[in-house]
């Protein structure tokens, strides 16, 4: 007598577990994708560089001390120097970003 009852309860539990897992899988597939890696800034350069763009180029905050700005400039320039296969345009933008954050801006824009 107990055997058919246990079998029925087992089948009902398996059906409920299957139903729950199907619903959970559908909810998982329906959620929006999330970025698993760091998202980089998408977009080009502004015609006239501002402090925000300069900080994005060097990978620092706008209120970073001068020594950290110089350190970040060196790190980015080593990776993008024209003598090491980097772009002259990017090198000029990196230098412009450093000058702007250090307060040594000229009245003219980038060389490019």
PDB file of N, CA and C in Angstrom:
ATOM      1  N   UNK A   1       0.811  -1.182   0.000  1.00  0.00           N
ATOM      2  CA  UNK A   1       0.000   0.000   0.000  1.00  0.00           C
ATOM      3  C   UNK A   1       0.870   1.268   0.000  1.00  0.00           C
ATOM      4  N   UNK A   2       1.923   1.262   0.766  1.00  0.00           N
ATOM      5  CA  UNK A   2       2.787   2.440   0.859  1.00  0.00           C
ATOM      6  C   UNK A   2       3.636   2.599  -0.390  1.00  0.00           C
ATOM      7  N   UNK A   3       3.925   1.527  -1.061  1.00  0.00           N
ATOM      8  CA  UNK A   3       4.783   1.565  -2.231  1.00  0.00           C
ATOM      9  C   UNK A   3       4.185   2.429  -3.365  1.00  0.00           C
ATOM     10  N   UNK A   4       2.915   2.262  -3.736  1.00  0.00           N
ATOM     11  CA  UNK A   4       2.362   3.131  -4.784  1.00  0.00           C
ATOM     12  C   UNK A   4       2.288   4.600  -4.333  1.00  0.00           C
ATOM     13  N   UNK A   5       2.059   4.835  -3.045  1.00  0.00           N
ATOM     14  CA  UNK A   5       2.012   6.199  -2.530  1.00  0.00           C
ATOM     15  C   UNK A   5       3.382   6.867  -2.642  1.00  0.00           C
ATOM     16  N   UNK A   6       4.418   6.163  -2.274  1.00  0.00           N
ATOM     17  CA  UNK A   6       5.782   6.696  -2.363  1.00  0.00           C
ATOM     18  C   UNK A   6       6.152   6.930  -3.824  1.00  0.00           C
ATOM     19  N   UNK A   7       5.777   6.008  -4.701  1.00  0.00           N
ATOM     20  CA  UNK A   7       6.072   6.158  -6.127  1.00  0.00           C
ATOM     21  C   UNK A   7       5.343   7.386  -6.692  1.00  0.00           C
ATOM     22  N   UNK A   8       4.114   7.594  -6.291  1.00  0.00           N
ATOM     23  CA  UNK A   8       3.343   8.743  -6.764  1.00  0.00           C
ATOM     24  C   UNK A   8       3.952  10.058  -6.277  1.00  0.00           C
ATOM     25  N   UNK A   9       4.351  10.086  -5.013  1.00  0.00           N
ATOM     26  CA  UNK A   9       4.980  11.292  -4.467  1.00  0.00           C
ATOM     27  C   UNK A   9       6.324  11.577  -5.149  1.00  0.00           C
ATOM     28  N   UNK A  10       7.063  10.539  -5.474  1.00  0.00           N
ATOM     29  CA  UNK A  10       8.348  10.698  -6.152  1.00  0.00           C
ATOM     30  C   UNK A  10       8.142  11.275  -7.550  1.00  0.00           C
ATOM     31  N   UNK A  11       7.146  10.749  -8.255  1.00  0.00           N
ATOM     32  CA  UNK A  11       6.861  11.249  -9.601  1.00  0.00           C
ATOM     33  C   UNK A  11       6.389  12.703  -9.541  1.00  0.00           C
ATOM     34  N   UNK A  12       5.549  13.034  -8.571  1.00  0.00           N
ATOM     35  CA  UNK A  12       5.067  14.407  -8.420  1.00  0.00           C
ATOM     36  C   UNK A  12       6.218  15.355  -8.089  1.00  0.00           C
ATOM     37  N   UNK A  13       7.127  14.931  -7.215  1.00  0.00           N
ATOM     38  CA  UNK A  13       8.273  15.762  -6.856  1.00  0.00           C
ATOM     39  C   UNK A  13       9.188  15.966  -8.059  1.00  0.00           C
ATOM     40  N   UNK A  14       9.391  14.911  -8.844  1.00  0.00           N
ATOM     41  CA  UNK A  14      10.231  15.037 -10.036  1.00  0.00           C
ATOM     42  C   UNK A  14       9.588  15.986 -11.051  1.00  0.00           C
ATOM     43  N   UNK A  15       8.277  15.921 -11.191  1.00  0.00           N
ATOM     44  CA  UNK A  15       7.580  16.805 -12.130  1.00  0.00           C
ATOM     45  C   UNK A  15       7.684  18.263 -11.678  1.00  0.00           C
ATOM     46  N   UNK A  16       7.508  18.509 -10.388  1.00  0.00           N
ATOM     47  CA  UNK A  16       7.629  19.876  -9.874  1.00  0.00           C
ATOM     48  C   UNK A  16       9.060  20.406 -10.012  1.00  0.00           C
ATOM     49  N   UNK A  17      10.030  19.549  -9.759  1.00  0.00           N
ATOM     50  CA  UNK A  17      11.427  19.971  -9.901  1.00  0.00           C
ATOM     51  C   UNK A  17      11.751  20.278 -11.362  1.00  0.00           C
ATOM     52  N   UNK A  18      11.237  19.466 -12.267  1.00  0.00           N
ATOM     53  CA  UNK A  18      11.453  19.715 -13.690  1.00  0.00           C
ATOM     54  C   UNK A  18      10.800  21.014 -14.135  1.00  0.00           C
ATOM     55  N   UNK A  19       9.576  21.240 -13.655  1.00  0.00           N
ATOM     56  CA  UNK A  19       8.860  22.476 -13.999  1.00  0.00           C
ATOM     57  C   UNK A  19       9.625  23.701 -13.489  1.00  0.00           C
ATOM     58  N   UNK A  20      10.094  23.615 -12.248  1.00  0.00           N
ATOM     59  CA  UNK A  20      10.853  24.730 -11.667  1.00  0.00           C
ATOM     60  C   UNK A  20      12.145  24.979 -12.437  1.00  0.00           C
ATOM     61  N   UNK A  21      12.853  23.920 -12.821  1.00  0.00           N
ATOM     62  CA  UNK A  21      14.108  24.121 -13.539  1.00  0.00           C
ATOM     63  C   UNK A  21      13.867  24.681 -14.933  1.00  0.00           C
ATOM     64  N   UNK A  22      12.791  24.314 -15.588  1.00  0.00           N
ATOM     65  CA  UNK A  22      12.483  24.896 -16.895  1.00  0.00           C
ATOM     66  C   UNK A  22      12.178  26.385 -16.747  1.00  0.00           C
ATOM     67  N   UNK A  23      11.394  26.760 -15.739  1.00  0.00           N
ATOM     68  CA  UNK A  23      11.083  28.175 -15.510  1.00  0.00           C
ATOM     69  C   UNK A  23      12.345  28.970 -15.157  1.00  0.00           C
ATOM     70  N   UNK A  24      13.211  28.386 -14.341  1.00  0.00           N
ATOM     71  CA  UNK A  24      14.450  29.070 -13.962  1.00  0.00           C
ATOM     72  C   UNK A  24      15.353  29.253 -15.182  1.00  0.00           C
ATOM     73  N   UNK A  25      15.433  28.260 -16.052  1.00  0.00           N
ATOM     74  CA  UNK A  25      16.257  28.364 -17.248  1.00  0.00           C
ATOM     75  C   UNK A  25      15.728  29.442 -18.193  1.00  0.00           C
ATOM     76  N   UNK A  26      14.405  29.506 -18.362  1.00  0.00           N
ATOM     77  CA  UNK A  26      13.820  30.524 -19.223  1.00  0.00           C
ATOM     78  C   UNK A  26      14.047  31.930 -18.657  1.00  0.00           C
ATOM     79  N   UNK A  27      13.961  32.080 -17.348  1.00  0.00           N
ATOM     80  CA  UNK A  27      14.232  33.377 -16.725  1.00  0.00           C
ATOM     81  C   UNK A  27      15.707  33.751 -16.883  1.00  0.00           C
ATOM     82  N   UNK A  28      16.581  32.776 -16.798  1.00  0.00           N
ATOM     83  CA  UNK A  28      18.008  33.025 -16.967  1.00  0.00           C
ATOM     84  C   UNK A  28      18.314  33.474 -18.393  1.00  0.00           C
ATOM     85  N   UNK A  29      17.699  32.830 -19.376  1.00  0.00           N
ATOM     86  CA  UNK A  29      17.931  33.199 -20.772  1.00  0.00           C
ATOM     87  C   UNK A  29      17.336  34.556 -21.116  1.00  0.00           C
ATOM     88  N   UNK A  30      16.267  34.965 -20.433  1.00  0.00           N
ATOM     89  CA  UNK A  30      15.572  36.208 -20.759  1.00  0.00           C
ATOM     90  C   UNK A  30      16.241  37.443 -20.171  1.00  0.00           C
ATOM     91  N   UNK A  31      17.118  37.274 -19.192  1.00  0.00           N
ATOM     92  CA  UNK A  31      17.732  38.451 -18.569  1.00  0.00           C
ATOM     93  C   UNK A  31      18.709  39.103 -19.525  1.00  0.00           C
ATOM     94  N   UNK A  32      18.889  40.418 -19.389  1.00  0.00           N
ATOM     95  CA  UNK A  32      19.799  41.114 -20.303  1.00  0.00           C
ATOM     96  C   UNK A  32      21.244  40.713 -20.043  1.00  0.00           C
ATOM     97  N   UNK A  33      22.051  40.708 -21.083  1.00  0.00           N
ATOM     98  CA  UNK A  33      23.464  40.333 -20.886  1.00  0.00           C
ATOM     99  C   UNK A  33      24.202  41.400 -20.091  1.00  0.00           C
ATOM    100  N   UNK A  34      25.079  40.963 -19.241  1.00  0.00           N
ATOM    101  CA  UNK A  34      25.887  41.885 -18.452  1.00  0.00           C
ATOM    102  C   UNK A  34      27.334  41.753 -18.898  1.00  0.00           C
ATOM    103  N   UNK A  35      28.028  42.862 -18.857  1.00  0.00           N
ATOM    104  CA  UNK A  35      29.437  42.858 -19.240  1.00  0.00           C
ATOM    105  C   UNK A  35      30.256  42.183 -18.154  1.00  0.00           C
ATOM    106  N   UNK A  36      31.014  41.206 -18.529  1.00  0.00           N
ATOM    107  CA  UNK A  36      31.848  40.500 -17.565  1.00  0.00           C
ATOM    108  C   UNK A  36      33.229  41.135 -17.472  1.00  0.00           C
ATOM    109  N   UNK A  37      33.593  41.869 -18.504  1.00  0.00           N
ATOM    110  CA  UNK A  37      34.889  42.531 -18.500  1.00  0.00           C
ATOM    111  C   UNK A  37      34.672  44.031 -18.353  1.00  0.00           C
ATOM    112  N   UNK A  38      35.733  44.729 -18.083  1.00  0.00           N
ATOM    113  CA  UNK A  38      35.659  46.174 -17.951  1.00  0.00           C
ATOM    114  C   UNK A  38      35.243  46.784 -19.280  1.00  0.00           C
ATOM    115  N   UNK A  39      34.289  47.682 -19.239  1.00  0.00           N
ATOM    116  CA  UNK A  39      33.821  48.332 -20.463  1.00  0.00           C
ATOM    117  C   UNK A  39      34.664  49.586 -20.701  1.00  0.00           C
ATOM    118  N   UNK A  40      35.207  49.683 -21.878  1.00  0.00           N
ATOM    119  CA  UNK A  40      36.041  50.815 -22.216  1.00  0.00           C
ATOM    120  C   UNK A  40      35.195  51.951 -22.758  1.00  0.00           C
ATOM    121  N   UNK A  41      35.743  53.123 -22.736  1.00  0.00           N
ATOM    122  CA  UNK A  41      35.066  54.309 -23.247  1.00  0.00           C
ATOM    123  C   UNK A  41      34.919  54.181 -24.760  1.00  0.00           C
ATOM    124  N   UNK A  42      33.680  54.287 -25.223  1.00  0.00           N
ATOM    125  CA  UNK A  42      33.439  54.196 -26.656  1.00  0.00           C
ATOM    126  C   UNK A  42      33.245  55.606 -27.219  1.00  0.00           C
ATOM    127  N   UNK A  43      33.976  55.922 -28.223  1.00  0.00           N
ATOM    128  CA  UNK A  43      33.839  57.226 -28.842  1.00  0.00           C
ATOM    129  C   UNK A  43      35.195  57.782 -29.216  1.00  0.00           C
ATOM    130  N   UNK A  44      35.169  58.819 -30.019  1.00  0.00           N
ATOM    131  CA  UNK A  44      36.405  59.437 -30.466  1.00  0.00           C
ATOM    132  C   UNK A  44      36.833  60.551 -29.536  1.00  0.00           C
ATOM    133  N   UNK A  45      37.710  61.387 -30.047  1.00  0.00           N
ATOM    134  CA  UNK A  45      38.201  62.513 -29.267  1.00  0.00           C
ATOM    135  C   UNK A  45      37.325  63.729 -29.516  1.00  0.00           C
ATOM    136  N   UNK A  46      37.249  64.598 -28.520  1.00  0.00           N
ATOM    137  CA  UNK A  46      36.541  65.867 -28.682  1.00  0.00           C
ATOM    138  C   UNK A  46      37.428  66.825 -29.480  1.00  0.00           C
ATOM    139  N   UNK A  47      36.821  67.811 -30.175  1.00  0.00           N
ATOM    140  CA  UNK A  47      37.649  68.776 -30.917  1.00  0.00           C
ATOM    141  C   UNK A  47      38.615  69.534 -30.007  1.00  0.00           C
ATOM    142  N   UNK A  48      38.146  69.910 -28.819  1.00  0.00           N
ATOM    143  CA  UNK A  48      39.015  70.562 -27.833  1.00  0.00           C
ATOM    144  C   UNK A  48      38.971  69.703 -26.574  1.00  0.00           C
ATOM    145  N   UNK A  49      40.130  69.250 -26.142  1.00  0.00           N
ATOM    146  CA  UNK A  49      40.192  68.327 -25.016  1.00  0.00           C
ATOM    147  C   UNK A  49      39.786  69.023 -23.717  1.00  0.00           C
ATOM    148  N   UNK A  50      39.023  68.302 -22.895  1.00  0.00           N
ATOM    149  CA  UNK A  50      38.664  68.812 -21.568  1.00  0.00           C
ATOM    150  C   UNK A  50      39.292  67.910 -20.509  1.00  0.00           C
ATOM    151  N   UNK A  51      39.120  68.272 -19.250  1.00  0.00           N
ATOM    152  CA  UNK A  51      39.754  67.518 -18.156  1.00  0.00           C
ATOM    153  C   UNK A  51      39.230  66.086 -18.083  1.00  0.00           C
ATOM    154  N   UNK A  52      37.951  65.896 -18.369  1.00  0.00           N
ATOM    155  CA  UNK A  52      37.372  64.557 -18.305  1.00  0.00           C
ATOM    156  C   UNK A  52      38.022  63.648 -19.345  1.00  0.00           C
ATOM    157  N   UNK A  53      38.133  64.148 -20.564  1.00  0.00           N
ATOM    158  CA  UNK A  53      38.742  63.350 -21.624  1.00  0.00           C
ATOM    159  C   UNK A  53      40.216  63.077 -21.329  1.00  0.00           C
ATOM    160  N   UNK A  54      40.915  64.071 -20.792  1.00  0.00           N
ATOM    161  CA  UNK A  54      42.330  63.881 -20.451  1.00  0.00           C
ATOM    162  C   UNK A  54      42.485  62.801 -19.388  1.00  0.00           C
ATOM    163  N   UNK A  55      41.591  62.817 -18.401  1.00  0.00           N
ATOM    164  CA  UNK A  55      41.648  61.797 -17.354  1.00  0.00           C
ATOM    165  C   UNK A  55      41.330  60.418 -17.916  1.00  0.00           C
ATOM    166  N   UNK A  56      40.397  60.325 -18.850  1.00  0.00           N
ATOM    167  CA  UNK A  56      40.081  59.043 -19.481  1.00  0.00           C
ATOM    168  C   UNK A  56      41.266  58.515 -20.283  1.00  0.00           C
ATOM    169  N   UNK A  57      41.954  59.394 -20.988  1.00  0.00           N
ATOM    170  CA  UNK A  57      43.103  58.968 -21.800  1.00  0.00           C
ATOM    171  C   UNK A  57      44.203  58.398 -20.920  1.00  0.00           C
ATOM    172  N   UNK A  58      44.483  59.070 -19.804  1.00  0.00           N
ATOM    173  CA  UNK A  58      45.579  58.617 -18.934  1.00  0.00           C
ATOM    174  C   UNK A  58      45.141  57.555 -17.934  1.00  0.00           C
ATOM    175  N   UNK A  59      43.840  57.339 -17.786  1.00  0.00           N
ATOM    176  CA  UNK A  59      43.359  56.317 -16.862  1.00  0.00           C
ATOM    177  C   UNK A  59      43.443  56.745 -15.409  1.00  0.00           C
ATOM    178  N   UNK A  60      43.260  58.034 -15.153  1.00  0.00           N
ATOM    179  CA  UNK A  60      43.289  58.560 -13.785  1.00  0.00           C
ATOM    180  C   UNK A  60      42.020  59.377 -13.557  1.00  0.00           C
ATOM    181  N   UNK A  61      41.850  59.845 -12.332  1.00  0.00           N
ATOM    182  CA  UNK A  61      40.733  60.738 -12.028  1.00  0.00           C
ATOM    183  C   UNK A  61      41.134  62.169 -12.328  1.00  0.00           C
ATOM    184  N   UNK A  62      40.127  63.023 -12.450  1.00  0.00           N
ATOM    185  CA  UNK A  62      40.411  64.424 -12.760  1.00  0.00           C
ATOM    186  C   UNK A  62      41.168  65.121 -11.632  1.00  0.00           C
ATOM    187  N   UNK A  63      41.008  64.661 -10.413  1.00  0.00           N
ATOM    188  CA  UNK A  63      41.631  65.311  -9.257  1.00  0.00           C
ATOM    189  C   UNK A  63      42.906  64.597  -8.797  1.00  0.00           C
ATOM    190  N   UNK A  64      43.537  63.843  -9.673  1.00  0.00           N
ATOM    191  CA  UNK A  64      44.739  63.086  -9.331  1.00  0.00           C
ATOM    192  C   UNK A  64      45.920  64.026  -9.122  1.00  0.00           C
ATOM    193  N   UNK A  65      46.781  63.758  -8.120  1.00  0.00           N
ATOM    194  CA  UNK A  65      47.972  64.600  -7.904  1.00  0.00           C
ATOM    195  C   UNK A  65      48.938  64.540  -9.093  1.00  0.00           C
ATOM    196  N   UNK A  66      49.802  65.551  -9.167  1.00  0.00           N
ATOM    197  CA  UNK A  66      50.710  65.691 -10.312  1.00  0.00           C
ATOM    198  C   UNK A  66      51.634  64.498 -10.483  1.00  0.00           C
ATOM    199  N   UNK A  67      52.161  63.950  -9.396  1.00  0.00           N
ATOM    200  CA  UNK A  67      53.089  62.828  -9.527  1.00  0.00           C
ATOM    201  C   UNK A  67      52.392  61.594 -10.109  1.00  0.00           C
ATOM    202  N   UNK A  68      51.138  61.375  -9.754  1.00  0.00           N
ATOM    203  CA  UNK A  68      50.387  60.241 -10.305  1.00  0.00           C
ATOM    204  C   UNK A  68      50.057  60.471 -11.777  1.00  0.00           C
ATOM    205  N   UNK A  69      49.810  61.724 -12.151  1.00  0.00           N
ATOM    206  CA  UNK A  69      49.550  62.044 -13.565  1.00  0.00           C
ATOM    207  C   UNK A  69      50.801  61.759 -14.384  1.00  0.00           C
ATOM    208  N   UNK A  70      51.974  62.174 -13.872  1.00  0.00           N
ATOM    209  CA  UNK A  70      53.230  61.914 -14.586  1.00  0.00           C
ATOM    210  C   UNK A  70      53.495  60.413 -14.705  1.00  0.00           C
ATOM    211  N   UNK A  71      53.209  59.675 -13.645  1.00  0.00           N
ATOM    212  CA  UNK A  71      53.405  58.226 -13.663  1.00  0.00           C
ATOM    213  C   UNK A  71      52.469  57.563 -14.684  1.00  0.00           C
ATOM    214  N   UNK A  72      51.214  58.004 -14.706  1.00  0.00           N
ATOM    215  CA  UNK A  72      50.249  57.450 -15.669  1.00  0.00           C
ATOM    216  C   UNK A  72      50.651  57.818 -17.095  1.00  0.00           C
ATOM    217  N   UNK A  73      51.141  59.043 -17.288  1.00  0.00           N
ATOM    218  CA  UNK A  73      51.584  59.472 -18.615  1.00  0.00           C
ATOM    219  C   UNK A  73      52.724  58.596 -19.093  1.00  0.00           C
ATOM    220  N   UNK A  74      53.672  58.340 -18.220  1.00  0.00           N
ATOM    221  CA  UNK A  74      54.809  57.500 -18.593  1.00  0.00           C
ATOM    222  C   UNK A  74      54.353  56.095 -18.964  1.00  0.00           C
ATOM    223  N   UNK A  75      53.457  55.534 -18.178  1.00  0.00           N
ATOM    224  CA  UNK A  75      52.958  54.177 -18.431  1.00  0.00           C
ATOM    225  C   UNK A  75      52.239  54.097 -19.784  1.00  0.00           C
ATOM    226  N   UNK A  76      51.408  55.082 -20.088  1.00  0.00           N
ATOM    227  CA  UNK A  76      50.656  55.065 -21.338  1.00  0.00           C
ATOM    228  C   UNK A  76      51.575  55.355 -22.525  1.00  0.00           C
ATOM    229  N   UNK A  77      52.539  56.249 -22.336  1.00  0.00           N
ATOM    230  CA  UNK A  77      53.454  56.579 -23.435  1.00  0.00           C
ATOM    231  C   UNK A  77      54.386  55.420 -23.769  1.00  0.00           C
ATOM    232  N   UNK A  78      54.784  54.654 -22.778  1.00  0.00           N
ATOM    233  CA  UNK A  78      55.637  53.495 -23.058  1.00  0.00           C
ATOM    234  C   UNK A  78      54.901  52.526 -23.981  1.00  0.00           C
ATOM    235  N   UNK A  79      53.617  52.376 -23.765  1.00  0.00           N
ATOM    236  CA  UNK A  79      52.835  51.449 -24.574  1.00  0.00           C
ATOM    237  C   UNK A  79      52.490  52.012 -25.953  1.00  0.00           C
ATOM    238  N   UNK A  80      52.477  53.342 -26.113  1.00  0.00           N
ATOM    239  CA  UNK A  80      52.017  53.948 -27.360  1.00  0.00           C
ATOM    240  C   UNK A  80      53.039  54.873 -28.015  1.00  0.00           C
ATOM    241  N   UNK A  81      54.293  54.771 -27.670  1.00  0.00           N
ATOM    242  CA  UNK A  81      55.300  55.684 -28.217  1.00  0.00           C
ATOM    243  C   UNK A  81      55.535  55.388 -29.706  1.00  0.00           C
ATOM    244  N   UNK A  82      55.650  56.430 -30.523  1.00  0.00           N
ATOM    245  CA  UNK A  82      55.863  56.215 -31.964  1.00  0.00           C
ATOM    246  C   UNK A  82      57.139  55.439 -32.297  1.00  0.00           C
ATOM    247  N   UNK A  83      58.184  55.587 -31.507  1.00  0.00           N
ATOM    248  CA  UNK A  83      59.426  54.846 -31.756  1.00  0.00           C
ATOM    249  C   UNK A  83      59.267  53.346 -31.505  1.00  0.00           C
ATOM    250  N   UNK A  84      58.231  52.976 -30.742  1.00  0.00           N
ATOM    251  CA  UNK A  84      57.984  51.566 -30.443  1.00  0.00           C
ATOM    252  C   UNK A  84      56.803  51.032 -31.249  1.00  0.00           C
ATOM    253  N   UNK A  85      56.465  51.715 -32.343  1.00  0.00           N
ATOM    254  CA  UNK A  85      55.378  51.237 -33.192  1.00  0.00           C
ATOM    255  C   UNK A  85      54.031  51.860 -32.889  1.00  0.00           C
ATOM    256  N   UNK A  86      53.990  52.851 -32.016  1.00  0.00           N
ATOM    257  CA  UNK A  86      52.743  53.520 -31.684  1.00  0.00           C
ATOM    258  C   UNK A  86      52.402  54.610 -32.690  1.00  0.00           C
ATOM    259  N   UNK A  87      51.274  55.224 -32.484  1.00  0.00           N
ATOM    260  CA  UNK A  87      50.780  56.250 -33.394  1.00  0.00           C
ATOM    261  C   UNK A  87      51.243  57.639 -32.946  1.00  0.00           C
ATOM    262  N   UNK A  88      51.638  58.476 -33.908  1.00  0.00           N
ATOM    263  CA  UNK A  88      52.008  59.861 -33.591  1.00  0.00           C
ATOM    264  C   UNK A  88      50.791  60.617 -33.073  1.00  0.00           C
ATOM    265  N   UNK A  89      49.636  60.322 -33.650  1.00  0.00           N
ATOM    266  CA  UNK A  89      48.396  60.992 -33.238  1.00  0.00           C
ATOM    267  C   UNK A  89      48.071  60.670 -31.783  1.00  0.00           C
ATOM    268  N   UNK A  90      48.132  59.389 -31.417  1.00  0.00           N
ATOM    269  CA  UNK A  90      47.848  59.023 -30.025  1.00  0.00           C
ATOM    270  C   UNK A  90      48.884  59.610 -29.077  1.00  0.00           C
ATOM    271  N   UNK A  91      50.131  59.628 -29.491  1.00  0.00           N
ATOM    272  CA  UNK A  91      51.178  60.206 -28.639  1.00  0.00           C
ATOM    273  C   UNK A  91      50.918  61.680 -28.395  1.00  0.00           C
ATOM    274  N   UNK A  92      50.468  62.394 -29.436  1.00  0.00           N
ATOM    275  CA  UNK A  92      50.181  63.822 -29.239  1.00  0.00           C
ATOM    276  C   UNK A  92      48.978  64.015 -28.319  1.00  0.00           C
ATOM    277  N   UNK A  93      47.991  63.130 -28.423  1.00  0.00           N
ATOM    278  CA  UNK A  93      46.825  63.225 -27.539  1.00  0.00           C
ATOM    279  C   UNK A  93      47.204  62.903 -26.090  1.00  0.00           C
ATOM    280  N   UNK A  94      48.080  61.934 -25.900  1.00  0.00           N
ATOM    281  CA  UNK A  94      48.534  61.573 -24.552  1.00  0.00           C
ATOM    282  C   UNK A  94      49.310  62.736 -23.938  1.00  0.00           C
ATOM    283  N   UNK A  95      50.185  63.357 -24.728  1.00  0.00           N
ATOM    284  CA  UNK A  95      50.936  64.513 -24.233  1.00  0.00           C
ATOM    285  C   UNK A  95      50.007  65.682 -23.938  1.00  0.00           C
ATOM    286  N   UNK A  96      49.010  65.891 -24.792  1.00  0.00           N
ATOM    287  CA  UNK A  96      48.050  66.968 -24.572  1.00  0.00           C
ATOM    288  C   UNK A  96      47.259  66.723 -23.282  1.00  0.00           C
ATOM    289  N   UNK A  97      46.902  65.458 -23.032  1.00  0.00           N
ATOM    290  CA  UNK A  97      46.168  65.117 -21.807  1.00  0.00           C
ATOM    291  C   UNK A  97      47.016  65.405 -20.573  1.00  0.00           C
ATOM    292  N   UNK A  98      48.295  65.034 -20.626  1.00  0.00           N
ATOM    293  CA  UNK A  98      49.185  65.306 -19.490  1.00  0.00           C
ATOM    294  C   UNK A  98      49.319  66.801 -19.255  1.00  0.00           C
ATOM    295  N   UNK A  99      49.532  67.542 -20.314  1.00  0.00           N
ATOM    296  CA  UNK A  99      49.682  68.995 -20.184  1.00  0.00           C
ATOM    297  C   UNK A  99      48.423  69.634 -19.610  1.00  0.00           C
ATOM    298  N   UNK A 100      47.272  69.173 -20.053  1.00  0.00           N
ATOM    299  CA  UNK A 100      46.025  69.755 -19.566  1.00  0.00           C
ATOM    300  C   UNK A 100      45.820  69.460 -18.078  1.00  0.00           C
ATOM    301  N   UNK A 101      46.100  68.221 -17.659  1.00  0.00           N
ATOM    302  CA  UNK A 101      45.919  67.873 -16.247  1.00  0.00           C
ATOM    303  C   UNK A 101      46.953  68.539 -15.347  1.00  0.00           C
ATOM    304  N   UNK A 102      48.126  68.833 -15.892  1.00  0.00           N
ATOM    305  CA  UNK A 102      49.154  69.509 -15.100  1.00  0.00           C
ATOM    306  C   UNK A 102      49.038  71.028 -15.186  1.00  0.00           C
ATOM    307  N   UNK A 103      48.132  71.527 -16.006  1.00  0.00           N
ATOM    308  CA  UNK A 103      47.925  72.968 -16.119  1.00  0.00           C
ATOM    309  C   UNK A 103      48.913  73.654 -17.031  1.00  0.00           C
ATOM    310  N   UNK A 104      49.519  72.930 -17.944  1.00  0.00           N
ATOM    311  CA  UNK A 104      50.508  73.509 -18.854  1.00  0.00           C
ATOM    312  C   UNK A 104      49.948  73.588 -20.271  1.00  0.00           C
ATOM    313  N   UNK A 105      48.669  73.945 -20.402  1.00  0.00           N
ATOM    314  CA  UNK A 105      48.053  73.962 -21.717  1.00  0.00           C
ATOM    315  C   UNK A 105      48.515  75.156 -22.528  1.00  0.00           C
ATOM    316  N   UNK A 106      48.578  74.949 -23.814  1.00  0.00           N
ATOM    317  CA  UNK A 106      48.896  76.011 -24.748  1.00  0.00           C
ATOM    318  C   UNK A 106      47.587  76.502 -25.337  1.00  0.00           C
ATOM    319  N   UNK A 107      47.616  77.615 -26.035  1.00  0.00           N
ATOM    320  CA  UNK A 107      46.397  78.142 -26.621  1.00  0.00           C
ATOM    321  C   UNK A 107      45.959  77.329 -27.824  1.00  0.00           C
ATOM    322  N   UNK A 108      46.878  76.605 -28.462  1.00  0.00           N
ATOM    323  CA  UNK A 108      46.522  75.819 -29.644  1.00  0.00           C
ATOM    324  C   UNK A 108      46.124  74.408 -29.224  1.00  0.00           C
ATOM    325  N   UNK A 109      45.427  73.744 -30.134  1.00  0.00           N
ATOM    326  CA  UNK A 109      45.005  72.364 -29.898  1.00  0.00           C
ATOM    327  C   UNK A 109      46.114  71.412 -30.283  1.00  0.00           C
ATOM    328  N   UNK A 110      45.749  70.163 -30.464  1.00  0.00           N
ATOM    329  CA  UNK A 110      46.688  69.135 -30.834  1.00  0.00           C
ATOM    330  C   UNK A 110      47.326  69.439 -32.185  1.00  0.00           C
ATOM    331  N   UNK A 111      48.469  68.838 -32.457  1.00  0.00           N
ATOM    332  CA  UNK A 111      49.155  69.029 -33.730  1.00  0.00           C
ATOM    333  C   UNK A 111      48.362  68.450 -34.876  1.00  0.00           C
ATOM    334  N   UNK A 112      47.420  67.577 -34.568  1.00  0.00           N
ATOM    335  CA  UNK A 112      46.637  66.933 -35.622  1.00  0.00           C
ATOM    336  C   UNK A 112      45.281  67.522 -35.667  1.00  0.00           C
TER     337      UNK A 112
END
